Amino acid sequence: MNYKNHQIEVSVQCDPDSSGWMTDVFVTYHEHGKSVLESLRMDQTFATPDEAEQAGVEYAKKWIDDGKQPGKPGRDF
């Protein structure tokens, strides 16, 4: 999805250790004429794939809104 000129991609997979769903979040954007890819880490599992995906999207949006600090996600989960 596109959000404020950033491409957000969320991938979910089942966590075999907790039987919950884990989220990988990637944000691509352009800065100073270069394409930047950020991988945001979420240390939480979710009950359903839909919950995991929605949380990943919200996490990325918050990170963008908070100024995109590399290595510093927008919100702790």
N, C-alpha and C. Protein backbone atom coordinates (compact mmCIF):
# COMPACT_ATOMS: atom_id res chain seq x y z
N MET A 1 0.84 -1.17 0.00
CA MET A 1 0.00 0.00 0.00
C MET A 1 0.88 1.23 0.00
N ASN A 2 0.37 2.31 -0.55
CA ASN A 2 1.10 3.56 -0.57
C ASN A 2 0.57 4.47 0.53
N TYR A 3 1.50 5.06 1.30
CA TYR A 3 1.13 5.97 2.38
C TYR A 3 2.15 7.10 2.40
N LYS A 4 1.71 8.31 2.10
CA LYS A 4 2.57 9.50 2.11
C LYS A 4 3.86 9.28 1.31
N ASN A 5 3.71 8.80 0.08
CA ASN A 5 4.83 8.53 -0.82
C ASN A 5 5.80 7.47 -0.30
N HIS A 6 5.31 6.57 0.52
CA HIS A 6 6.07 5.43 1.02
C HIS A 6 5.30 4.16 0.63
N GLN A 7 6.01 3.16 0.19
CA GLN A 7 5.38 1.88 -0.12
C GLN A 7 5.53 0.97 1.10
N ILE A 8 4.40 0.53 1.66
CA ILE A 8 4.39 -0.35 2.83
C ILE A 8 4.05 -1.76 2.37
N GLU A 9 4.89 -2.71 2.77
CA GLU A 9 4.62 -4.12 2.49
C GLU A 9 4.66 -4.88 3.81
N VAL A 10 3.64 -5.71 4.02
CA VAL A 10 3.55 -6.48 5.25
C VAL A 10 3.43 -7.96 4.89
N SER A 11 4.24 -8.75 5.54
CA SER A 11 4.21 -10.20 5.34
C SER A 11 3.90 -10.84 6.68
N VAL A 12 3.03 -11.84 6.69
CA VAL A 12 2.71 -12.53 7.95
C VAL A 12 3.00 -14.02 7.79
N GLN A 13 3.42 -14.62 8.90
CA GLN A 13 3.66 -16.06 8.90
C GLN A 13 3.36 -16.60 10.29
N CYS A 14 3.02 -17.86 10.33
CA CYS A 14 2.69 -18.51 11.60
C CYS A 14 3.97 -18.74 12.39
N ASP A 15 3.93 -18.40 13.68
CA ASP A 15 5.07 -18.64 14.58
C ASP A 15 4.88 -20.02 15.19
N PRO A 16 5.75 -20.98 14.84
CA PRO A 16 5.56 -22.34 15.34
C PRO A 16 5.73 -22.46 16.85
N ASP A 17 6.44 -21.52 17.46
CA ASP A 17 6.66 -21.59 18.92
C ASP A 17 5.45 -21.12 19.72
N SER A 18 4.65 -20.23 19.15
CA SER A 18 3.54 -19.68 19.93
C SER A 18 2.19 -19.94 19.30
N SER A 19 2.15 -20.50 18.12
CA SER A 19 0.95 -20.69 17.31
C SER A 19 0.20 -19.39 17.05
N GLY A 20 0.90 -18.26 17.15
CA GLY A 20 0.35 -16.97 16.77
C GLY A 20 0.92 -16.58 15.41
N TRP A 21 0.63 -15.37 15.00
CA TRP A 21 1.08 -14.87 13.70
C TRP A 21 2.08 -13.74 13.88
N MET A 22 3.21 -13.84 13.19
CA MET A 22 4.26 -12.83 13.25
C MET A 22 4.18 -11.95 12.00
N THR A 23 4.70 -10.74 12.14
CA THR A 23 4.63 -9.75 11.06
C THR A 23 6.01 -9.25 10.69
N ASP A 24 6.29 -9.20 9.40
CA ASP A 24 7.48 -8.53 8.87
C ASP A 24 6.98 -7.30 8.13
N VAL A 25 7.58 -6.16 8.40
CA VAL A 25 7.14 -4.90 7.81
C VAL A 25 8.30 -4.27 7.04
N PHE A 26 8.04 -3.88 5.80
CA PHE A 26 9.05 -3.24 4.95
C PHE A 26 8.47 -1.94 4.41
N VAL A 27 9.28 -0.89 4.47
CA VAL A 27 8.87 0.41 3.96
C VAL A 27 9.93 0.87 2.96
N THR A 28 9.48 1.20 1.75
CA THR A 28 10.37 1.71 0.71
C THR A 28 9.99 3.15 0.42
N TYR A 29 11.01 4.02 0.30
CA TYR A 29 10.78 5.42 -0.02
C TYR A 29 12.02 5.98 -0.69
N HIS A 30 11.90 7.18 -1.25
CA HIS A 30 13.02 7.84 -1.92
C HIS A 30 13.49 9.01 -1.07
N GLU A 31 14.81 9.09 -0.93
CA GLU A 31 15.40 10.17 -0.15
C GLU A 31 16.74 10.55 -0.78
N HIS A 32 16.93 11.82 -1.06
CA HIS A 32 18.16 12.32 -1.68
C HIS A 32 18.47 11.59 -2.98
N GLY A 33 17.43 11.31 -3.77
CA GLY A 33 17.60 10.68 -5.06
C GLY A 33 17.87 9.19 -5.02
N LYS A 34 17.79 8.58 -3.85
CA LYS A 34 18.04 7.14 -3.71
C LYS A 34 16.82 6.45 -3.14
N SER A 35 16.66 5.20 -3.51
CA SER A 35 15.60 4.38 -2.95
C SER A 35 16.10 3.76 -1.64
N VAL A 36 15.27 3.86 -0.60
CA VAL A 36 15.63 3.34 0.72
C VAL A 36 14.63 2.27 1.11
N LEU A 37 15.14 1.15 1.63
CA LEU A 37 14.29 0.07 2.13
C LEU A 37 14.56 -0.08 3.61
N GLU A 38 13.53 0.05 4.42
CA GLU A 38 13.64 -0.14 5.87
C GLU A 38 12.85 -1.39 6.25
N SER A 39 13.45 -2.21 7.08
CA SER A 39 12.79 -3.37 7.64
C SER A 39 12.49 -3.05 9.10
N LEU A 40 11.21 -3.04 9.46
CA LEU A 40 10.80 -2.71 10.82
C LEU A 40 10.48 -3.99 11.58
N ARG A 41 11.01 -4.09 12.77
CA ARG A 41 10.84 -5.30 13.56
C ARG A 41 9.71 -5.13 14.58
N MET A 42 8.84 -6.11 14.60
CA MET A 42 7.77 -6.16 15.59
C MET A 42 7.97 -7.42 16.43
N ASP A 43 8.08 -7.25 17.73
CA ASP A 43 8.29 -8.39 18.62
C ASP A 43 7.00 -8.80 19.31
N GLN A 44 6.00 -9.07 18.50
CA GLN A 44 4.70 -9.47 19.04
C GLN A 44 4.06 -10.45 18.08
N THR A 45 3.29 -11.37 18.61
CA THR A 45 2.50 -12.26 17.76
C THR A 45 1.03 -11.88 17.91
N PHE A 46 0.25 -12.29 16.93
CA PHE A 46 -1.17 -11.93 16.87
C PHE A 46 -2.01 -13.19 16.68
N ALA A 47 -3.27 -13.10 17.06
CA ALA A 47 -4.16 -14.26 17.03
C ALA A 47 -4.51 -14.69 15.62
N THR A 48 -4.63 -13.75 14.69
CA THR A 48 -5.03 -14.09 13.32
C THR A 48 -4.10 -13.40 12.32
N PRO A 49 -4.05 -13.92 11.10
CA PRO A 49 -3.24 -13.25 10.06
C PRO A 49 -3.73 -11.83 9.78
N ASP A 50 -5.05 -11.62 9.80
CA ASP A 50 -5.59 -10.29 9.55
C ASP A 50 -5.16 -9.28 10.62
N GLU A 51 -5.18 -9.71 11.88
CA GLU A 51 -4.73 -8.84 12.97
C GLU A 51 -3.25 -8.49 12.79
N ALA A 52 -2.45 -9.47 12.43
CA ALA A 52 -1.02 -9.26 12.23
C ALA A 52 -0.77 -8.28 11.09
N GLU A 53 -1.48 -8.45 9.99
CA GLU A 53 -1.31 -7.56 8.85
C GLU A 53 -1.72 -6.13 9.19
N GLN A 54 -2.86 -5.96 9.83
CA GLN A 54 -3.34 -4.63 10.19
C GLN A 54 -2.37 -3.95 11.16
N ALA A 55 -1.86 -4.69 12.13
CA ALA A 55 -0.91 -4.13 13.09
C ALA A 55 0.37 -3.70 12.37
N GLY A 56 0.81 -4.48 11.39
CA GLY A 56 2.00 -4.12 10.62
C GLY A 56 1.82 -2.83 9.85
N VAL A 57 0.66 -2.66 9.23
CA VAL A 57 0.37 -1.43 8.48
C VAL A 57 0.35 -0.23 9.43
N GLU A 58 -0.32 -0.36 10.56
CA GLU A 58 -0.39 0.74 11.52
C GLU A 58 0.99 1.07 12.08
N TYR A 59 1.79 0.05 12.33
CA TYR A 59 3.15 0.22 12.83
C TYR A 59 3.98 1.04 11.84
N ALA A 60 3.89 0.69 10.55
CA ALA A 60 4.64 1.41 9.51
C ALA A 60 4.16 2.86 9.39
N LYS A 61 2.87 3.07 9.41
CA LYS A 61 2.33 4.43 9.32
C LYS A 61 2.82 5.29 10.48
N LYS A 62 2.82 4.74 11.68
CA LYS A 62 3.29 5.47 12.86
C LYS A 62 4.77 5.80 12.72
N TRP A 63 5.55 4.84 12.24
CA TRP A 63 6.99 5.05 12.04
C TRP A 63 7.22 6.19 11.04
N ILE A 64 6.46 6.20 9.95
CA ILE A 64 6.56 7.28 8.95
C ILE A 64 6.17 8.61 9.58
N ASP A 65 5.04 8.64 10.26
CA ASP A 65 4.55 9.87 10.88
C ASP A 65 5.50 10.42 11.95
N ASP A 66 6.25 9.53 12.59
CA ASP A 66 7.17 9.94 13.66
C ASP A 66 8.56 10.33 13.15
N GLY A 67 8.74 10.37 11.83
CA GLY A 67 10.00 10.89 11.30
C GLY A 67 10.97 9.88 10.73
N LYS A 68 10.59 8.62 10.61
CA LYS A 68 11.40 7.60 9.94
C LYS A 68 12.82 7.48 10.47
N GLN A 69 12.98 7.32 11.73
CA GLN A 69 14.32 7.17 12.27
C GLN A 69 14.82 5.75 12.04
N PRO A 70 15.90 5.58 11.23
CA PRO A 70 16.42 4.23 10.97
C PRO A 70 16.74 3.50 12.27
N GLY A 71 16.33 2.24 12.32
CA GLY A 71 16.57 1.43 13.49
C GLY A 71 15.72 1.79 14.69
N LYS A 72 14.81 2.74 14.51
CA LYS A 72 13.96 3.18 15.61
C LYS A 72 12.51 3.16 15.16
N PRO A 73 11.83 2.01 15.30
CA PRO A 73 10.44 1.91 14.86
C PRO A 73 9.54 2.93 15.55
N GLY A 74 8.41 3.17 14.92
CA GLY A 74 7.50 4.20 15.38
C GLY A 74 6.84 3.94 16.71
N ARG A 75 6.71 2.69 17.08
CA ARG A 75 5.98 2.41 18.32
C ARG A 75 6.40 1.01 18.79
N ASP A 76 6.52 0.86 20.09
CA ASP A 76 6.84 -0.46 20.65
C ASP A 76 5.58 -1.26 20.84
N PHE A 77 5.67 -2.54 20.54
CA PHE A 77 4.55 -3.45 20.76
C PHE A 77 4.93 -4.44 21.81
